[in-house]
Protein backbone atom coordinates (compact mmCIF):
# COMPACT_ATOMS: atom_id res chain seq x y z
CA UNK A 1 -0.39 -0.07 -0.07
CA UNK A 2 1.22 3.00 -0.49
CA UNK A 3 1.42 7.15 0.55
CA UNK A 4 -2.12 8.15 0.47
CA UNK A 5 -1.69 11.28 3.20
CA UNK A 6 1.61 12.93 4.50
CA UNK A 7 0.70 11.48 7.39
CA UNK A 8 1.83 7.92 6.16
CA UNK A 9 5.10 9.16 5.71
CA UNK A 10 7.61 7.91 8.35
CA UNK A 11 9.62 11.52 8.65
CA UNK A 12 6.26 13.16 9.40
CA UNK A 13 5.51 10.93 11.45
CA UNK A 14 9.01 10.53 13.10
CA UNK A 15 9.15 14.39 12.89
CA UNK A 16 5.79 14.87 15.29
CA UNK A 17 7.18 12.73 18.30
CA UNK A 18 10.14 15.30 18.05
CA UNK A 19 7.74 18.14 18.85
CA UNK A 20 6.23 16.29 22.02
CA UNK A 21 9.95 15.56 22.65
CA UNK A 22 10.81 19.25 22.25
CA UNK A 23 7.84 20.58 24.20
CA UNK A 24 8.08 18.10 26.69
CA UNK A 25 11.76 18.58 27.13
CA UNK A 26 11.72 22.69 27.20
CA UNK A 27 8.89 23.07 29.69
CA UNK A 28 12.04 22.10 32.32
CA UNK A 29 13.53 25.24 30.98
CA UNK A 30 13.96 28.34 33.03
CA UNK A 31 10.68 30.89 33.24
CA UNK A 32 13.14 33.16 31.79
CA UNK A 33 13.31 31.46 28.71
CA UNK A 34 9.63 30.22 28.45
CA UNK A 35 9.72 33.62 25.34
CA UNK A 36 13.45 33.30 24.19
CA UNK A 37 14.88 29.67 23.30
CA UNK A 38 12.00 27.43 24.55
CA UNK A 39 9.60 29.16 22.21
CA UNK A 40 12.57 29.40 19.23
CA UNK A 41 12.60 25.92 19.47
CA UNK A 42 9.25 25.06 19.66
CA UNK A 43 8.53 26.88 16.81
CA UNK A 44 11.39 25.19 14.44
CA UNK A 45 10.28 22.00 15.91
CA UNK A 46 6.57 22.43 15.04
CA UNK A 47 8.00 23.67 11.27
CA UNK A 48 9.16 20.18 10.59
CA UNK A 49 6.38 18.10 9.99
CA UNK A 50 4.07 21.11 9.25
CA UNK A 51 6.48 21.47 5.63
CA UNK A 52 6.57 17.84 5.04
CA UNK A 53 2.78 17.81 5.11
CA UNK A 54 2.27 21.37 3.15
CA UNK A 55 4.94 19.76 0.61
CA UNK A 56 2.74 17.07 0.62
CA UNK A 57 -0.15 18.83 -0.43
CA UNK A 58 1.66 20.42 -3.04
CA UNK A 59 0.84 19.22 -6.68
CA UNK A 60 4.22 19.92 -8.48
CA UNK A 61 7.38 17.82 -6.78
CA UNK A 62 9.73 21.15 -7.10
CA UNK A 63 7.00 22.77 -4.73
CA UNK A 64 7.52 19.62 -2.63
CA UNK A 65 11.31 19.67 -2.59
CA UNK A 66 11.02 23.42 -1.74
CA UNK A 67 9.28 22.81 1.33
CA UNK A 68 11.16 19.51 2.54
CA UNK A 69 14.59 22.23 2.07
CA UNK A 70 12.67 24.57 4.45
CA UNK A 71 11.82 20.88 6.91
CA UNK A 72 15.66 20.39 6.56
CA UNK A 73 16.63 23.74 7.75
CA UNK A 74 13.64 23.68 10.53
CA UNK A 75 15.46 20.59 11.75
CA UNK A 76 19.06 22.22 11.33
CA UNK A 77 17.90 24.81 13.15
CA UNK A 78 16.35 22.37 16.13
CA UNK A 79 19.27 20.79 16.22
CA UNK A 80 21.49 23.96 17.00
CA UNK A 81 18.87 25.03 19.79
CA UNK A 82 19.11 21.39 20.81
CA UNK A 83 23.09 22.30 21.57
CA UNK A 84 22.25 25.97 22.74
CA UNK A 85 20.66 24.44 25.61
CA UNK A 86 23.26 21.68 26.44
CA UNK A 87 26.08 24.39 26.73
CA UNK A 88 23.27 26.39 28.67
CA UNK A 89 23.26 23.14 30.88
CA UNK A 90 19.49 23.52 30.67
CA UNK A 91 19.74 19.57 29.20
CA UNK A 92 20.46 16.47 31.33
CA UNK A 93 22.52 13.99 29.99
CA UNK A 94 19.56 11.87 29.67
CA UNK A 95 17.68 14.04 28.18
CA UNK A 96 20.25 15.09 25.48
CA UNK A 97 20.23 10.92 24.51
CA UNK A 98 17.04 10.95 24.84
CA UNK A 99 16.57 14.07 22.05
CA UNK A 100 20.18 12.57 19.89
CA UNK A 101 18.60 9.39 18.45
CA UNK A 102 14.97 11.08 17.15
CA UNK A 103 16.74 14.30 15.86
CA UNK A 104 18.96 11.70 13.83
CA UNK A 105 16.34 9.52 12.21
CA UNK A 106 14.34 12.72 11.70
CA UNK A 107 17.97 14.16 9.66
CA UNK A 108 18.03 10.57 7.91
CA UNK A 109 14.30 10.61 6.94
CA UNK A 110 14.33 13.74 5.30
CA UNK A 111 17.51 13.01 3.40
CA UNK A 112 16.03 10.03 1.94
CA UNK A 113 12.75 11.44 1.21
CA UNK A 114 14.66 14.48 -0.88
CA UNK A 115 17.07 11.93 -2.35
CA UNK A 116 13.94 9.77 -3.39
CA UNK A 117 11.90 13.30 -5.01
CA UNK A 118 15.20 13.72 -6.82
CA UNK A 119 15.59 11.32 -7.92
CA UNK A 120 11.65 10.75 -9.52
CA UNK A 121 12.33 13.98 -11.23
CA UNK A 122 15.49 13.14 -13.33
CA UNK A 123 17.56 16.03 -14.35
CA UNK A 124 14.76 18.19 -14.49
CA UNK A 125 16.27 19.89 -10.95
CA UNK A 126 19.69 20.92 -10.27
CA UNK A 127 21.81 18.53 -8.31
CA UNK A 128 22.99 21.43 -6.33
CA UNK A 129 19.47 22.89 -6.11
CA UNK A 130 18.26 20.87 -3.09
CA UNK A 131 21.56 19.45 -2.32
CA UNK A 132 21.73 16.98 1.07
CA UNK A 133 23.96 18.63 3.84
CA UNK A 134 27.05 17.43 3.72
CA UNK A 135 30.12 18.92 4.88
CA UNK A 136 31.59 21.79 2.28
CA UNK A 137 34.75 19.75 2.05
CA UNK A 138 33.06 17.60 -0.09
CA UNK A 139 31.04 19.45 -2.01
CA UNK A 140 32.01 20.68 -5.59
CA UNK A 141 33.08 24.14 -5.34
CA UNK A 142 30.36 26.90 -7.05
CA UNK A 143 30.83 28.38 -10.05
CA UNK A 144 31.77 31.76 -9.07
CA UNK A 145 31.98 33.22 -12.33
CA UNK A 146 29.61 36.44 -12.62
CA UNK A 147 26.41 35.68 -15.20
CA UNK A 148 27.15 37.21 -18.41
CA UNK A 149 25.61 40.74 -18.33
CA UNK A 150 23.17 42.01 -20.97
CA UNK A 151 24.81 44.55 -22.97
CA UNK A 152 22.40 46.51 -25.12
CA UNK A 153 22.68 46.88 -28.76
CA UNK A 154 23.46 50.96 -30.04
CA UNK A 155 20.37 50.48 -31.64
CA UNK A 156 18.27 49.74 -28.80
CA UNK A 157 15.69 52.73 -27.87
CA UNK A 158 15.48 53.74 -24.37
CA UNK A 159 12.29 52.57 -22.35
CA UNK A 160 10.58 55.00 -20.71
CA UNK A 161 8.91 53.88 -17.10
CA UNK A 162 5.41 53.63 -16.89
CA UNK A 163 2.96 53.97 -14.23
CA UNK A 164 2.13 50.06 -14.58
CA UNK A 165 5.84 48.82 -14.49
CA UNK A 166 7.51 50.33 -11.31
CA UNK A 167 10.26 48.31 -12.34
CA UNK A 168 10.69 49.06 -15.94
CA UNK A 169 14.32 50.37 -17.73
CA UNK A 170 13.75 54.28 -17.83
CA UNK A 171 16.66 54.18 -20.38
CA UNK A 172 20.29 55.15 -19.92
CA UNK A 173 21.12 57.64 -17.23
CA UNK A 174 21.61 61.65 -18.25
CA UNK A 175 25.81 62.28 -18.57
CA UNK A 176 27.18 63.40 -15.65
CA UNK A 177 27.38 68.00 -15.55
C-alpha cells in the first residue's frame, strides 16, 4: 500500500514525535527562557512536520522539494538549539541522549525523502538545488563566475518607465555635468 497522505510518511510521523519531545523538554527550561530559546525551539520543531505536510499537499514535485528544504532547515535549527540548550546547562545528559536518536532519525528520513523525490524528477532539477547536507569539503566548488551581463546594442531605443511597471528600464542616465 502506497503513501496516500502525509500522515503515512514515516518522516512526518517521527517529526511529530520529535515535536512532542521538544515540548516536554522545554517545559523544564528556566522561566526566563519561556519566550526565548524554548519558544524558538518549539516553533522550529513544529515547522518540520508542518512543512512536510504542506509540501506533500502541493501539486508539483519541485514545490514539494522546496518545502522539504524548509523542513530540513528547521531540523538543523532544532539541532543547533538543542546544542545551545546543552551548552547553557538546560539539558541533562539523559535529555541529550533522549533527543539524539530521534534527531538523527528525522534528519536521515528527511534526506531520504528529498533524495527519492530528486531521483523521481530525474534531470529536471539541478543537482545542487536541493543538495543534501554534506560537509563543505565534500561538496563541489560552485561556479563563482558572474553571469553574462546583458549589454544593449546601440540600436536599442531607451524605454520609458510606465506607472504600470515600476521596475521598467527608464533608459540611459543623462551624462554627468
